[in-house]
Amino acid sequence: MNQFLKMAVGCLLLTGILTGCGSGDNSSGDSAGATDQDTSITVGLDPYNYATMPAYLAKEILAKHGYKVEIKNAQVGILFAGLAKGKIDAFIDIWTPNLHASYLKKYKGEFELAGTFYKNAPLGIVVPKYMSKVHSIPDLKKYHDKFDGKIYGIEPGTGMVMTTEKMIDEYKMDYKVVKSSAQGMLGQAKKAISEKEPIAFLGWHPHTMFKRFDIKLLKDPKDVWKFDSVKVGVVPDLKDNSPTAYRLFSNMNFTIEEVEEWLVQMKNGKEPKELAKAWVKAHQKKVDKWLGK
C-alpha cells in the first residue's frame, strides 16, 4: 500500500489534480465514504477461470466508489509472495486450510485472511464414468497399468500438484504426476475421453469440466483431499488505508453454483468485465450489504 500512496502523493504535487492518480477525492459520489482512503489497489489473480469473476466484480464495485483497481495476473506462488511483501493488496483465491497449507505456513503473519468467498469446494482425482471398476483412489493402484502410472495435473508448485504428490505417498502408489497447465491437462483429458481411453486427472469445483465431460470424483478413504474454503487475503494495513475495499473483501460471498454459471457464460464468449457490470446492476442490494450500507 505505501508504494501506491507515494505514487498518489507525488502525482498530486506535480499536477495538483486530485483525480490524476486515483486519489481519495470523493467526487465520484461514493456514499460509502472513500474520503481519505488510499483508493489505488492491486488485486492478484491466478490463472484459473473460477477466480476471474470475483476479481472483476471487486474491480467493478470498487470503481463505483472512487477506486482505481489494477488486476495483476501471476502464478499462485508469485501472488502469495507479492501479498506478503505488499506488492499486491489482495489475493482472491486462497484455499484454506489444506490446499495452500505450505504457503499459509511460509507467510504466516505477513497478510490477513479477510473473508470467505465460498465453502467446502470439492476437489481431488477424477476419471471418466466409463471406468466402471474405478471408484476410489486405491482402485488406481489396482489398475496401475491401465493408467500407465500417470495422473495428469496442472502447473508445478500449485497446491493441487503438491497434494497429489502427498496422496501418492499416503497410498504408496507407483504413480507420477504429469505436470502441465489446466488447459494442457484438460486437452489431454478431452483426447483420452474422445477415444474412451483410461485417464486420471485433477478435478475441482467450481469448474466447467463436470459439464463438459462425463466424469466422477474418486472416493478418498484416507481423506487426503479435504474440502477447502476459498478466502481472500489482504495486506495488514488495508483495513486502515482502504476501509471500503476491506469491507468488500470481508463480505463478498458466492455459491459454487453461481461461480460455475459464470464459467459457462465465459466459455460461451461473455467477457468478465461485461458479466461483472450486469451482475452488479442486478444485485445492488447484495452489493450494498457487502459494503455495510
Foldseek 3Di string as FASTA:
>chain_A
DVVLVVVQVVVCVVPVDQPPSLHQDQPLVQPLRSHQFSQEFEEEDEPDLLVLLVQLLLCVLSVSRSHDYHYDYDHPVVVLVCQLVVVGFKYFFDWDDALCVVSCVVSPPSWDFQAFAEWQKDKDKKKAVVVVVAAAPVVCQVPVVQAVQEEEEEAPPGSRQVLVVVLCVVSVHSHDYHYHHPVVSVVVVVVCVVVVGIHMYIDIFPDCVVVVGRMDHHHYVVCSRGGTTTTMIGGPCCCPRPVQSSLLRNQHYDYSVVSSVVNVVVVVPDDSNVVSVVVCVVPVVSSCVSSVD
